[in-house]
């Protein structure tokens, strides 16, 4: 009997505790809902109630519906106006006039939103650094390596990869098989950035299978980011998974794992002044050597882990964006023969013999129609199209709205580039929109006023360091293909390049095989 009483007492106690915990959780949930809907500093901003209450709508569209929350944000703007609340703690503005306020230049300070910088093995890289002051230290050490002067000095590296790119297409002329411009472009940009930054190309132009695997690796990385944003605990779990096991579970990432190990070993050799890195005065230095010897970086910024992560992100960021821009540009040129003919006519004024070495970057950058073509390709690609929120230490004023300090707010590049007021018929490829006639010379020149609305490389204190290299690649690649190769599209249409989903970088339809072409002639 006594035993039954004790059991009853324990059961009653457990039930009481369970009820108490349940009541606390319910109260916390109810208070959280009331706070988000009515008491939060963001409660005054327009937007759907459900979005203000929870991040589950974003998860649904970005994970279940695979990168389509961007179009829900577009619908919010159509209903609520230019500034909307897109999550419980985040705003989005779709006004081009406010872009430079959000992404301000020095002396303004902007931090990144930690939720949007969480990813495995890259939090120590410059582009993922949240705090303004630390970001400036890291960026200032990297900047000289990606300056225009250094790009010109290393132009031969870019030219050698572009020459190999065209030579690869010549092989397809012999076989008659369709050539993947998508894989070929990313092979070229990857070999450029690795040759430029790490001293030698990683050999994608020599191994097409590797090029396709690298393309798939980048897509898998970007596709995984919404999971990490919504479940940041995954980062800690993933750090415990051996890279060898991760490569087996996700075969598409095996090539990335292998290259990260290769970079880590190179960083270790650089830090130890081992082998070819023993001499400080080497003629051609790598980005890792520049960071090792930089007086702008303190010792704690020169560890094996940090420099390895920095180098890995350079590899990813430096290959995907210029490659996809080049691919999109060539789809539209081949789909618009008159525009391709005009480009070839302009190039012929400086490059009449395609068997001669390509013109220098300094010559190509003076060609207005080539610049217009590349700017239009950059606009349609968009760069980092996903939200990239900034946090200001001070309030920002947007019309009648005062944005509280440290409120995450973004303005997606896609909405900048598809704005019908700035770019009429924004989904169409119209290079001519970038040209105006100079009154003094009566010649066409690039419209610099319109250029301020192009944000493919970002803007402000955190704009892309790779601008000079990226533009050099695009000028040389577009010029080489236009003058040396004759192509026609193969089983490719607008859905293979049109922006359908946001995986930080734009993606076309899910089953796309990319841009494929038939090589009709090669002049080398």
Protein backbone atom coordinates (compact mmCIF):
# COMPACT_ATOMS: atom_id res chain seq x y z
CA UNK A 1 0.00 0.00 0.00
CA UNK A 2 2.79 2.39 0.95
CA UNK A 3 4.54 1.51 -2.30
CA UNK A 4 1.42 2.39 -4.31
CA UNK A 5 1.26 5.76 -2.52
CA UNK A 6 4.88 6.53 -3.35
CA UNK A 7 4.27 5.63 -7.03
CA UNK A 8 1.20 7.85 -7.06
CA UNK A 9 3.14 10.73 -5.48
CA UNK A 10 5.95 10.38 -8.08
CA UNK A 11 3.45 10.26 -10.91
CA UNK A 12 1.65 13.35 -9.63
CA UNK A 13 5.01 15.14 -9.27
CA UNK A 14 6.05 14.23 -12.84
CA UNK A 15 2.70 15.39 -14.17
CA UNK A 16 3.00 18.66 -12.28
CA UNK A 17 6.48 19.27 -13.68
CA UNK A 18 5.31 18.39 -17.18
CA UNK A 19 2.39 20.79 -16.87
CA UNK A 20 4.65 23.50 -15.52
CA UNK A 21 7.15 23.10 -18.35
CA UNK A 22 4.32 23.01 -20.87
CA UNK A 23 2.82 26.16 -19.41
CA UNK A 24 6.18 27.96 -19.54
CA UNK A 25 6.74 26.95 -23.15
CA UNK A 26 3.21 27.96 -24.10
CA UNK A 27 3.59 31.32 -22.35
CA UNK A 28 6.96 31.91 -24.03
CA UNK A 29 5.47 31.05 -27.43
CA UNK A 30 2.44 33.28 -26.91
CA UNK A 31 4.61 36.17 -25.67
CA UNK A 32 7.00 35.66 -28.59
CA UNK A 33 4.11 35.83 -31.03
CA UNK A 34 2.68 38.95 -29.39
CA UNK A 35 6.11 40.60 -29.34
CA UNK A 36 6.82 39.89 -32.98
CA UNK A 37 3.41 41.01 -34.17
CA UNK A 38 2.82 44.04 -31.94
CA UNK A 39 5.80 45.02 -29.75
CA UNK A 40 8.83 44.52 -32.01
CA UNK A 41 10.47 47.68 -33.45
CA UNK A 42 9.70 46.13 -36.85
CA UNK A 43 5.97 45.72 -36.11
CA UNK A 44 5.27 49.07 -37.83
CA UNK A 45 6.69 47.86 -41.16
CA UNK A 46 4.30 46.35 -43.73
CA UNK A 47 4.31 42.70 -44.68
CA UNK A 48 2.40 39.44 -44.18
CA UNK A 49 1.55 38.54 -40.59
CA UNK A 50 2.79 34.98 -41.01
CA UNK A 51 6.19 36.19 -42.21
CA UNK A 52 6.44 38.54 -39.22
CA UNK A 53 5.59 35.65 -36.93
CA UNK A 54 7.90 32.88 -38.15
CA UNK A 55 10.64 31.96 -40.64
CA UNK A 56 8.80 28.82 -41.76
CA UNK A 57 7.41 30.46 -44.95
CA UNK A 58 10.97 31.29 -46.00
CA UNK A 59 12.06 27.72 -45.23
CA UNK A 60 9.17 26.33 -47.27
CA UNK A 61 9.89 28.35 -50.38
CA UNK A 62 13.71 28.17 -50.21
CA UNK A 63 14.02 24.50 -49.19
CA UNK A 64 10.83 22.67 -50.21
CA UNK A 65 10.16 24.82 -53.29
CA UNK A 66 13.91 25.12 -53.96
CA UNK A 67 15.02 28.73 -53.95
CA UNK A 68 11.78 30.53 -54.80
CA UNK A 69 11.28 32.76 -51.74
CA UNK A 70 12.70 35.62 -53.78
CA UNK A 71 9.54 35.63 -55.91
CA UNK A 72 7.37 35.68 -52.76
CA UNK A 73 9.31 38.76 -51.67
CA UNK A 74 8.59 40.28 -55.07
CA UNK A 75 4.86 39.65 -54.49
CA UNK A 76 5.12 41.30 -51.06
CA UNK A 77 6.53 44.45 -52.67
CA UNK A 78 3.76 44.45 -55.25
CA UNK A 79 1.19 44.33 -52.44
CA UNK A 80 2.78 46.33 -49.62
CA UNK A 81 5.18 48.76 -51.29
CA UNK A 82 8.96 49.32 -51.57
CA UNK A 83 9.88 48.33 -47.99
CA UNK A 84 8.60 45.13 -46.39
CA UNK A 85 9.29 42.87 -43.46
CA UNK A 86 10.52 39.58 -44.92
CA UNK A 87 11.19 37.71 -41.65
CA UNK A 88 10.60 38.37 -37.94
CA UNK A 89 13.83 40.39 -37.68
CA UNK A 90 14.67 41.47 -41.23
CA UNK A 91 13.59 44.08 -43.78
CA UNK A 92 13.93 44.28 -47.53
CA UNK A 93 13.81 47.41 -49.69
CA UNK A 94 13.20 47.36 -53.43
CA UNK A 95 13.98 50.99 -54.19
CA UNK A 96 17.11 51.56 -56.37
CA UNK A 97 17.51 55.03 -54.85
CA UNK A 98 18.06 53.49 -51.39
CA UNK A 99 20.61 50.87 -52.48
CA UNK A 100 23.68 52.97 -51.75
CA UNK A 101 22.35 53.83 -48.30
CA UNK A 102 22.07 50.16 -47.37
CA UNK A 103 25.39 49.21 -48.99
CA UNK A 104 27.25 52.35 -47.97
CA UNK A 105 30.87 53.21 -48.67
CA UNK A 106 33.46 54.45 -46.20
CA UNK A 107 33.42 56.21 -43.79
CA UNK A 108 30.05 54.55 -43.13
CA UNK A 109 30.17 51.27 -41.22
CA UNK A 110 28.19 48.19 -42.11
CA UNK A 111 28.24 44.76 -40.46
CA UNK A 112 26.97 41.61 -42.10
CA UNK A 113 24.05 39.67 -40.63
CA UNK A 114 25.43 36.56 -38.95
CA UNK A 115 22.51 34.41 -40.13
CA UNK A 116 23.58 35.02 -43.72
CA UNK A 117 27.26 34.28 -43.18
CA UNK A 118 26.91 30.86 -41.57
CA UNK A 119 28.40 28.09 -43.67
CA UNK A 120 30.88 25.28 -43.02
CA UNK A 121 34.61 25.96 -43.37
CA UNK A 122 34.41 29.58 -44.46
CA UNK A 123 33.52 31.79 -41.49
CA UNK A 124 37.14 33.01 -41.33
CA UNK A 125 37.14 34.19 -44.95
CA UNK A 126 36.95 37.90 -45.70
CA UNK A 127 33.63 37.68 -47.51
CA UNK A 128 32.00 35.96 -44.53
CA UNK A 129 33.37 38.29 -41.86
CA UNK A 130 30.48 39.91 -40.01
CA UNK A 131 32.20 42.71 -38.05
CA UNK A 132 33.17 45.83 -40.01
CA UNK A 133 36.57 46.47 -38.38
CA UNK A 134 37.83 42.90 -38.78
CA UNK A 135 36.55 42.82 -42.34
CA UNK A 136 38.57 45.95 -43.17
CA UNK A 137 41.77 44.39 -41.81
CA UNK A 138 41.30 41.25 -43.87
CA UNK A 139 40.19 43.08 -46.99
CA UNK A 140 43.06 45.58 -46.92
CA UNK A 141 45.53 42.69 -46.89
CA UNK A 142 43.90 41.04 -49.93
CA UNK A 143 43.22 44.14 -52.02
CA UNK A 144 46.71 44.62 -53.55
CA UNK A 145 46.66 41.13 -55.03
CA UNK A 146 43.42 41.88 -56.89
CA UNK A 147 44.31 45.41 -57.97
CA UNK A 148 44.18 46.44 -61.62
CA UNK A 149 47.96 46.72 -61.63
CA UNK A 150 48.40 43.13 -60.49
CA UNK A 151 45.74 41.93 -62.93
CA UNK A 152 47.69 43.49 -65.81
CA UNK A 153 50.91 41.94 -64.51
CA UNK A 154 49.29 38.49 -64.48
CA UNK A 155 47.36 38.95 -67.73
CA UNK A 156 49.39 36.19 -69.41
CA UNK A 157 47.89 33.66 -66.95
CA UNK A 158 44.40 34.62 -68.06
CA UNK A 159 45.34 34.64 -71.74
CA UNK A 160 46.87 31.13 -71.55
CA UNK A 161 43.66 29.69 -70.09
CA UNK A 162 41.50 31.47 -72.68
CA UNK A 163 43.68 30.11 -75.51
CA UNK A 164 43.24 26.60 -74.11
CA UNK A 165 39.47 27.19 -73.89
CA UNK A 166 39.30 27.88 -77.63
CA UNK A 167 41.59 24.95 -78.40
CA UNK A 168 39.21 22.66 -76.51
CA UNK A 169 36.35 23.81 -78.76
CA UNK A 170 38.45 22.94 -81.80
CA UNK A 171 38.40 19.31 -80.66
CA UNK A 172 34.61 19.34 -80.84
CA UNK A 173 34.74 20.65 -84.39
CA UNK A 174 36.45 17.38 -85.34
CA UNK A 175 34.00 15.10 -83.51
CA UNK A 176 30.81 17.01 -84.26
CA UNK A 177 29.59 16.39 -80.71
CA UNK A 178 27.76 19.16 -78.82
CA UNK A 179 29.99 21.23 -76.56
CA UNK A 180 28.90 22.42 -73.09
CA UNK A 181 29.60 26.13 -72.96
CA UNK A 182 28.53 25.95 -69.31
CA UNK A 183 31.19 23.40 -68.33
CA UNK A 184 33.82 24.95 -70.62
CA UNK A 185 33.32 28.41 -69.15
CA UNK A 186 33.60 27.27 -65.55
CA UNK A 187 36.65 25.17 -66.43
CA UNK A 188 38.27 28.30 -67.85
CA UNK A 189 37.45 30.61 -64.95
CA UNK A 190 38.47 27.95 -62.43
CA UNK A 191 41.83 27.45 -64.13
CA UNK A 192 42.25 31.23 -64.29
CA UNK A 193 41.54 31.86 -60.62
CA UNK A 194 43.68 28.94 -59.42
CA UNK A 195 46.56 29.88 -61.73
CA UNK A 196 46.21 33.52 -60.68
CA UNK A 197 45.81 32.92 -56.95
CA UNK A 198 47.62 29.65 -56.25
CA UNK A 199 50.39 29.62 -58.83
CA UNK A 200 49.10 26.84 -61.10
CA UNK A 201 45.79 25.89 -62.75
CA UNK A 202 43.83 23.01 -61.26
CA UNK A 203 43.45 21.42 -64.69
CA UNK A 204 39.74 21.58 -65.44
CA UNK A 205 40.38 22.50 -69.08
CA UNK A 206 42.34 19.26 -69.36
CA UNK A 207 39.63 17.14 -67.73
CA UNK A 208 36.00 17.81 -68.70
CA UNK A 209 34.68 15.31 -66.17
CA UNK A 210 36.33 17.37 -63.46
CA UNK A 211 34.73 20.51 -64.87
CA UNK A 212 31.24 19.00 -64.69
CA UNK A 213 31.88 17.76 -61.16
CA UNK A 214 33.06 21.19 -60.07
CA UNK A 215 29.91 22.78 -61.53
CA UNK A 216 27.78 20.27 -59.59
CA UNK A 217 29.81 20.90 -56.42
CA UNK A 218 29.10 24.63 -56.51
CA UNK A 219 25.39 24.02 -57.06
CA UNK A 220 25.24 21.61 -54.10
CA UNK A 221 27.02 24.10 -51.84
CA UNK A 222 24.62 26.90 -52.73
CA UNK A 223 21.58 24.65 -52.50
CA UNK A 224 22.57 23.68 -48.94
CA UNK A 225 22.80 27.26 -47.62
CA UNK A 226 19.05 27.64 -46.82
CA UNK A 227 19.26 24.55 -44.60
CA UNK A 228 22.18 26.06 -42.69
CA UNK A 229 20.44 29.42 -42.30
CA UNK A 230 17.36 27.78 -40.81
CA UNK A 231 19.22 25.15 -38.81
CA UNK A 232 22.60 26.65 -37.81
CA UNK A 233 23.24 23.63 -35.59
CA UNK A 234 24.05 21.75 -38.80
CA UNK A 235 27.36 23.63 -38.96
CA UNK A 236 28.50 22.10 -35.68
CA UNK A 237 27.33 18.65 -36.77
CA UNK A 238 29.12 18.93 -40.09
CA UNK A 239 32.40 19.88 -38.43
CA UNK A 240 32.37 16.48 -36.73
CA UNK A 241 31.84 14.58 -40.00
CA UNK A 242 35.19 13.52 -41.52
CA UNK A 243 35.74 15.00 -44.97
CA UNK A 244 36.27 11.52 -46.42
CA UNK A 245 32.85 10.41 -45.15
CA UNK A 246 31.22 13.61 -46.38
CA UNK A 247 32.64 13.00 -49.85
CA UNK A 248 31.13 9.50 -49.87
CA UNK A 249 27.73 10.70 -48.66
CA UNK A 250 27.69 13.52 -51.24
CA UNK A 251 29.84 12.38 -54.19
CA UNK A 252 29.43 15.72 -55.98
CA UNK A 253 31.38 17.35 -53.16
CA UNK A 254 34.31 14.93 -53.37
CA UNK A 255 36.18 17.16 -55.81
CA UNK A 256 35.77 20.15 -53.46
CA UNK A 257 37.07 18.11 -50.53
CA UNK A 258 40.11 17.06 -52.54
CA UNK A 259 40.92 20.61 -53.59
CA UNK A 260 40.47 21.97 -50.08
CA UNK A 261 43.00 19.41 -48.88
CA UNK A 262 45.33 20.47 -51.68
CA UNK A 263 44.98 24.13 -50.71
CA UNK A 264 45.50 23.34 -47.03
CA UNK A 265 48.75 21.58 -47.85
CA UNK A 266 49.87 24.50 -49.99
CA UNK A 267 49.08 26.93 -47.18
CA UNK A 268 51.06 24.77 -44.77
CA UNK A 269 54.04 24.78 -47.16
CA UNK A 270 53.81 28.56 -47.60
CA UNK A 271 53.68 29.19 -43.86
CA UNK A 272 56.68 26.89 -43.37
CA UNK A 273 58.65 28.50 -46.29
CA UNK A 274 58.88 25.00 -47.70
CA UNK A 275 59.95 23.97 -51.20
CA UNK A 276 59.26 26.55 -53.92
CA UNK A 277 57.96 28.94 -51.26
CA UNK A 278 61.31 29.20 -49.50
CA UNK A 279 62.23 32.48 -51.22
CA UNK A 280 60.38 35.65 -50.31
CA UNK A 281 61.44 37.39 -53.52
CA UNK A 282 59.89 34.88 -55.92
CA UNK A 283 58.86 36.54 -59.18
CA UNK A 284 55.33 35.10 -59.28
CA UNK A 285 53.79 34.91 -55.84
CA UNK A 286 50.50 33.36 -54.75
CA UNK A 287 47.75 35.04 -52.78
CA UNK A 288 48.69 32.90 -49.78
CA UNK A 289 52.26 34.23 -49.85
CA UNK A 290 50.94 37.79 -50.06
CA UNK A 291 48.80 37.26 -46.95
CA UNK A 292 51.63 35.50 -45.10
CA UNK A 293 53.97 38.44 -45.65
CA UNK A 294 51.38 41.19 -45.28
CA UNK A 295 52.20 43.69 -42.55
CA UNK A 296 48.52 44.56 -42.41
CA UNK A 297 47.59 41.20 -40.89
CA UNK A 298 48.38 40.33 -37.26
CA UNK A 299 49.79 36.89 -36.45
CA UNK A 300 46.41 35.46 -35.40
CA UNK A 301 45.10 36.20 -38.91
CA UNK A 302 47.81 34.06 -40.52
CA UNK A 303 46.90 30.64 -39.13
CA UNK A 304 46.62 27.53 -41.27
CA UNK A 305 42.85 27.32 -40.69
CA UNK A 306 42.07 30.92 -41.58
CA UNK A 307 44.25 31.17 -44.67
CA UNK A 308 42.94 27.82 -45.92
CA UNK A 309 39.36 29.03 -45.60
CA UNK A 310 40.23 32.30 -47.32
CA UNK A 311 41.82 30.47 -50.22
CA UNK A 312 38.92 28.02 -50.57
CA UNK A 313 36.36 30.82 -50.83
CA UNK A 314 38.47 32.60 -53.45
CA UNK A 315 38.36 29.41 -55.49
CA UNK A 316 34.56 29.16 -55.33
CA UNK A 317 33.75 32.85 -55.73
CA UNK A 318 36.27 33.39 -58.51
CA UNK A 319 34.97 30.65 -60.78
CA UNK A 320 31.18 30.49 -60.71
CA UNK A 321 30.07 34.10 -61.29
CA UNK A 322 32.26 35.01 -64.32
CA UNK A 323 31.65 31.59 -65.86
CA UNK A 324 27.87 31.87 -65.65
CA UNK A 325 27.96 35.46 -66.89
CA UNK A 326 29.98 34.34 -69.91
CA UNK A 327 27.59 31.47 -70.60
CA UNK A 328 24.49 33.68 -70.38
CA UNK A 329 26.14 36.27 -72.63
CA UNK A 330 26.89 33.69 -75.30
CA UNK A 331 23.41 32.24 -75.27
CA UNK A 332 22.01 35.69 -76.04
CA UNK A 333 24.64 36.52 -78.65
CA UNK A 334 23.95 33.29 -80.50
CA UNK A 335 20.21 33.90 -80.16
CA UNK A 336 20.65 37.41 -81.60
CA UNK A 337 22.87 37.13 -84.72
CA UNK A 338 22.67 40.86 -85.49
CA UNK A 339 24.16 41.74 -82.11
CA UNK A 340 26.91 39.15 -82.56
CA UNK A 341 27.69 40.58 -86.00
CA UNK A 342 27.98 44.07 -84.54
CA UNK A 343 30.33 42.80 -81.82
CA UNK A 344 32.53 41.04 -84.39
CA UNK A 345 32.69 44.15 -86.54
CA UNK A 346 33.89 46.20 -83.58
CA UNK A 347 36.48 43.61 -82.57
CA UNK A 348 37.80 43.51 -86.14
CA UNK A 349 38.92 47.13 -85.76
CA UNK A 350 41.54 46.07 -83.18
CA UNK A 351 41.95 42.36 -83.93
CA UNK A 352 41.86 41.47 -87.59
CA UNK A 353 43.87 38.23 -87.41
CA UNK A 354 42.40 35.63 -84.99
CA UNK A 355 45.61 33.60 -85.24
CA UNK A 356 47.55 36.44 -83.61
CA UNK A 357 47.71 36.83 -79.82
CA UNK A 358 44.60 38.35 -78.29
CA UNK A 359 44.62 42.13 -77.75
CA UNK A 360 45.52 43.36 -74.29
CA UNK A 361 42.93 44.10 -71.64
CA UNK A 362 43.70 47.83 -71.97
CA UNK A 363 42.81 47.69 -75.69
CA UNK A 364 39.63 45.65 -75.20
CA UNK A 365 38.27 47.83 -72.41
CA UNK A 366 38.13 50.78 -74.81
CA UNK A 367 35.63 49.03 -77.12
CA UNK A 368 32.19 50.40 -76.23
CA UNK A 369 30.01 47.64 -77.72
CA UNK A 370 32.11 44.86 -76.15
CA UNK A 371 31.70 46.65 -72.80
CA UNK A 372 27.96 47.00 -73.42
CA UNK A 373 27.63 43.29 -74.19
CA UNK A 374 29.50 42.34 -71.01
CA UNK A 375 27.51 44.78 -68.85
CA UNK A 376 24.26 43.34 -70.18
CA UNK A 377 25.48 39.82 -69.44
CA UNK A 378 26.39 40.89 -65.91
CA UNK A 379 22.97 42.47 -65.44
CA UNK A 380 21.11 39.33 -66.52
CA UNK A 381 23.32 37.15 -64.34
CA UNK A 382 22.93 39.40 -61.31
CA UNK A 383 25.92 38.32 -59.22
CA UNK A 384 24.89 37.36 -55.69
CA UNK A 385 21.13 37.55 -56.24
CA UNK A 386 20.10 36.36 -52.77
CA UNK A 387 19.53 38.70 -49.84
CA UNK A 388 22.74 40.05 -48.36
CA UNK A 389 21.59 42.03 -45.32
CA UNK A 390 23.61 44.83 -43.75
CA UNK A 391 23.44 46.21 -40.21
CA UNK A 392 24.02 49.91 -39.61
CA UNK A 393 25.12 51.12 -36.15
CA UNK A 394 22.89 54.17 -36.66
CA UNK A 395 19.22 54.57 -37.60
CA UNK A 396 18.47 54.86 -41.31
CA UNK A 397 15.61 56.91 -42.67
CA UNK A 398 13.60 55.60 -45.61
CA UNK A 399 10.79 58.02 -46.49
CA UNK A 400 8.42 57.92 -43.48
CA UNK A 401 10.09 54.88 -41.91
CA UNK A 402 12.89 55.04 -39.36
CA UNK A 403 14.87 51.81 -39.51
CA UNK A 404 16.23 50.99 -36.03
CA UNK A 405 20.00 50.57 -35.57
CA UNK A 406 21.38 47.09 -36.33
CA UNK A 407 18.26 46.01 -38.18
CA UNK A 408 19.18 43.56 -40.96
CA UNK A 409 18.09 45.11 -44.26
CA UNK A 410 18.91 44.21 -47.85
CA UNK A 411 18.13 45.14 -51.43
CA UNK A 412 18.50 42.19 -53.78
CA UNK A 413 20.54 42.74 -56.94
CA UNK A 414 17.89 40.91 -58.97
CA UNK A 415 15.33 43.60 -58.19
CA UNK A 416 17.86 46.28 -59.11
CA UNK A 417 18.58 44.67 -62.46
CA UNK A 418 14.97 43.80 -63.31
CA UNK A 419 13.59 47.22 -62.40
CA UNK A 420 11.47 48.31 -65.36
CA UNK A 421 12.03 52.02 -64.74
CA UNK A 422 15.80 51.67 -64.93
CA UNK A 423 15.94 48.84 -67.47
CA UNK A 424 12.89 48.72 -69.78
CA UNK A 425 12.12 45.17 -70.96
CA UNK A 426 14.49 43.89 -68.28
CA UNK A 427 14.38 40.21 -69.26
CA UNK A 428 15.62 40.99 -72.76
CA UNK A 429 19.27 41.11 -73.86
CA UNK A 430 19.76 44.69 -75.08
CA UNK A 431 23.43 45.77 -75.01
CA UNK A 432 22.47 49.00 -76.77
CA UNK A 433 20.84 50.26 -73.57
CA UNK A 434 24.35 50.81 -72.17
CA UNK A 435 25.46 53.15 -74.96
CA UNK A 436 25.03 56.91 -75.41
CA UNK A 437 26.45 59.28 -78.00
CA UNK A 438 29.23 61.57 -76.87
CA UNK A 439 28.42 65.13 -77.98
CA UNK A 440 32.08 66.12 -78.36
CA UNK A 441 33.22 63.20 -80.51
CA UNK A 442 29.86 62.07 -81.95
CA UNK A 443 30.85 58.52 -81.03
CA UNK A 444 29.09 55.99 -78.86
CA UNK A 445 30.43 55.57 -75.35
CA UNK A 446 29.41 53.60 -72.27
CA UNK A 447 26.61 55.20 -70.26
CA UNK A 448 28.26 55.70 -66.88
CA UNK A 449 25.02 57.06 -65.36
CA UNK A 450 23.32 53.73 -66.05
CA UNK A 451 26.33 51.81 -64.79
CA UNK A 452 25.66 52.95 -61.22
CA UNK A 453 22.58 50.69 -61.25
CA UNK A 454 24.68 47.62 -62.07
CA UNK A 455 25.48 45.87 -58.79
CA UNK A 456 26.69 42.45 -59.94
CA UNK A 457 29.93 43.01 -58.00
CA UNK A 458 28.14 44.52 -55.00
CA UNK A 459 28.60 48.04 -53.70
CA UNK A 460 30.04 49.88 -50.75
CA UNK A 461 32.57 48.71 -48.18
CA UNK A 462 32.09 45.06 -49.13
CA UNK A 463 32.03 45.17 -52.92
CA UNK A 464 33.70 42.27 -54.68
CA UNK A 465 37.49 42.28 -54.66
CA UNK A 466 37.56 40.29 -57.88
CA UNK A 467 36.12 43.02 -60.09
CA UNK A 468 39.31 43.67 -62.08
CA UNK A 469 40.06 39.99 -62.62
CA UNK A 470 36.44 39.18 -63.47
CA UNK A 471 36.20 41.94 -66.08
CA UNK A 472 39.56 40.92 -67.57
CA UNK A 473 38.36 37.32 -67.92
CA UNK A 474 35.08 38.32 -69.53
CA UNK A 475 36.68 40.70 -72.02
CA UNK A 476 39.27 38.15 -73.13
CA UNK A 477 36.84 35.20 -73.19
CA UNK A 478 34.10 36.99 -75.12
CA UNK A 479 36.61 38.48 -77.56
CA UNK A 480 38.33 35.13 -78.15
CA UNK A 481 35.14 33.20 -78.86
CA UNK A 482 33.65 35.97 -81.01
CA UNK A 483 36.73 36.23 -83.25
CA UNK A 484 38.00 32.66 -83.32
CA UNK A 485 34.94 30.39 -83.17
CA UNK A 486 31.66 30.02 -85.04
CA UNK A 487 28.92 28.37 -82.99
CA UNK A 488 25.23 27.57 -83.05
CA UNK A 489 22.95 26.67 -80.15
CA UNK A 490 22.15 22.99 -79.60
CA UNK A 491 18.96 21.97 -77.77
CA UNK A 492 19.15 25.13 -75.62
CA UNK A 493 16.49 27.77 -75.04
CA UNK A 494 15.84 30.73 -72.77
CA UNK A 495 14.78 28.48 -69.88
CA UNK A 496 18.36 27.19 -69.70
CA UNK A 497 19.66 30.64 -68.75
CA UNK A 498 16.68 32.56 -67.39
CA UNK A 499 16.74 33.30 -63.65
CA UNK A 500 14.27 30.91 -62.00
CA UNK A 501 15.55 30.35 -58.45
CA UNK A 502 17.78 31.94 -55.87
CA UNK A 503 20.53 29.76 -54.46
CA UNK A 504 22.55 32.89 -53.65
CA UNK A 505 23.73 32.67 -57.23
CA UNK A 506 20.96 32.50 -59.88
CA UNK A 507 19.86 29.15 -61.23
CA UNK A 508 17.82 28.24 -64.30
CA UNK A 509 15.28 25.40 -64.47
CA UNK A 510 16.18 22.37 -62.37
CA UNK A 511 16.63 19.89 -65.24
CA UNK A 512 18.68 22.23 -67.42
CA UNK A 513 21.76 20.79 -69.09
CA UNK A 514 23.20 24.27 -69.42
CA UNK A 515 24.10 26.03 -72.65
CA UNK A 516 25.21 23.58 -75.33
CA UNK A 517 26.52 24.48 -78.77
CA UNK A 518 27.68 22.93 -82.01
CA UNK A 519 31.11 24.12 -83.13
CA UNK A 520 30.88 25.02 -86.84
CA UNK A 521 34.36 26.52 -87.41
CA UNK A 522 37.49 27.47 -85.48
CA UNK A 523 40.02 30.05 -86.69
CA UNK A 524 43.29 29.44 -84.87
